[in-house]
Protein backbone atom coordinates (compact mmCIF):
# COMPACT_ATOMS: atom_id res chain seq x y z
CA UNK A 1 -9.77 13.44 12.92
CA UNK A 2 -8.53 16.96 13.41
CA UNK A 3 -5.40 16.72 11.26
CA UNK A 4 -4.77 14.86 7.99
CA UNK A 5 -2.08 12.61 9.45
CA UNK A 6 -1.77 9.06 10.65
CA UNK A 7 1.43 9.24 12.70
CA UNK A 8 2.75 11.83 15.19
CA UNK A 9 6.43 11.23 14.28
CA UNK A 10 5.67 11.83 10.61
CA UNK A 11 3.72 14.95 11.45
CA UNK A 12 6.67 16.27 13.45
CA UNK A 13 8.88 15.87 10.38
CA UNK A 14 6.24 17.14 7.92
CA UNK A 15 3.99 19.59 9.83
CA UNK A 16 0.39 20.01 8.76
CA UNK A 17 0.13 23.28 6.87
CA UNK A 18 3.74 23.05 5.71
CA UNK A 19 4.72 22.49 2.08
CA UNK A 20 4.85 18.72 2.48
CA UNK A 21 2.38 18.21 5.32
CA UNK A 22 0.24 16.10 2.98
CA UNK A 23 2.90 13.39 2.98
CA UNK A 24 1.79 11.94 6.31
CA UNK A 25 -1.49 10.90 4.74
CA UNK A 26 0.23 8.82 2.02
CA UNK A 27 1.41 5.30 2.89
CA UNK A 28 4.80 5.49 1.19
CA UNK A 29 5.77 8.50 3.33
CA UNK A 30 4.31 7.43 6.67
CA UNK A 31 5.54 3.79 6.54
CA UNK A 32 9.09 4.63 7.71
CA UNK A 33 7.61 6.12 10.89
CA UNK A 34 5.52 3.04 11.66
CA UNK A 35 6.88 0.71 14.33
CA UNK A 36 4.33 -2.11 14.09
CA UNK A 37 4.68 -4.87 11.48
CA UNK A 38 2.96 -4.03 8.20
CA UNK A 39 1.44 -6.21 5.50
CA UNK A 40 1.15 -4.45 2.15
CA UNK A 41 -1.52 -5.60 -0.26
CA UNK A 42 -2.16 -4.18 -3.69
CA UNK A 43 -5.20 -5.01 -5.77
CA UNK A 44 -4.59 -6.60 -9.14
CA UNK A 45 -7.16 -4.32 -10.78
CA UNK A 46 -9.16 -1.25 -9.94
CA UNK A 47 -11.99 0.51 -11.72
CA UNK A 48 -9.75 3.32 -13.01
CA UNK A 49 -7.40 0.82 -14.65
CA UNK A 50 -10.26 -0.99 -16.33
CA UNK A 51 -11.38 2.13 -18.20
CA UNK A 52 -8.12 4.05 -18.60
CA UNK A 53 -5.30 1.53 -18.83
CA UNK A 54 -6.96 -1.50 -20.36
CA UNK A 55 -9.66 0.47 -22.22
CA UNK A 56 -11.66 -2.70 -22.78
CA UNK A 57 -15.09 -1.08 -22.82
CA UNK A 58 -16.44 -3.73 -20.48
CA UNK A 59 -16.05 -4.95 -16.94
CA UNK A 60 -19.14 -3.76 -15.10
CA UNK A 61 -20.43 -5.51 -13.11
CA UNK A 62 -17.73 -8.11 -13.81
CA UNK A 63 -15.45 -8.81 -16.78
CA UNK A 64 -16.69 -12.39 -17.02
CA UNK A 65 -20.26 -11.18 -17.58
CA UNK A 66 -19.63 -8.25 -19.92
CA UNK A 67 -16.39 -8.71 -21.92
CA UNK A 68 -15.91 -10.39 -25.26
CA UNK A 69 -13.55 -13.39 -25.31
CA UNK A 70 -10.73 -11.20 -26.71
CA UNK A 71 -11.26 -8.49 -24.09
CA UNK A 72 -11.45 -11.10 -21.35
CA UNK A 73 -8.15 -12.59 -22.56
CA UNK A 74 -6.55 -9.11 -22.39
CA UNK A 75 -7.99 -8.64 -18.90
CA UNK A 76 -6.40 -11.87 -17.65
CA UNK A 77 -3.13 -11.19 -19.50
CA UNK A 78 -2.86 -7.85 -17.68
CA UNK A 79 -2.82 -9.82 -14.42
CA UNK A 80 0.52 -11.36 -15.40
CA UNK A 81 2.29 -7.99 -15.59
CA UNK A 82 4.14 -6.78 -12.47
CA UNK A 83 2.27 -4.30 -10.30
CA UNK A 84 3.31 -0.65 -10.74
CA UNK A 85 5.11 -0.70 -7.41
CA UNK A 86 7.14 -3.70 -8.60
CA UNK A 87 8.04 -1.93 -11.86
CA UNK A 88 9.23 1.20 -10.10
CA UNK A 89 12.96 1.80 -10.39
CA UNK A 90 14.98 0.89 -7.35
CA UNK A 91 17.90 3.10 -6.41
CA UNK A 92 20.63 2.20 -3.94
CA UNK A 93 20.31 4.14 -0.70
């Protein structure tokens, strides 16, 4: 890949080397330029969240094998919260 972009129309709007050329590498900015149907999937957990958001001190290799009952309960409770993208404020266009 010679340029950090995924879509030519996005790159035309945000040229590589320009102040916002990086945007065409990020899904939220390139999605409006995509003409094929998209399916968005977001993981419930990731390794950064385990150590920095939940701060449980366990989870490797899996929470079931390494967490105390209280930590495991917190782990599963976290799954009931909306994903960050669902919590983001929505503004009328």
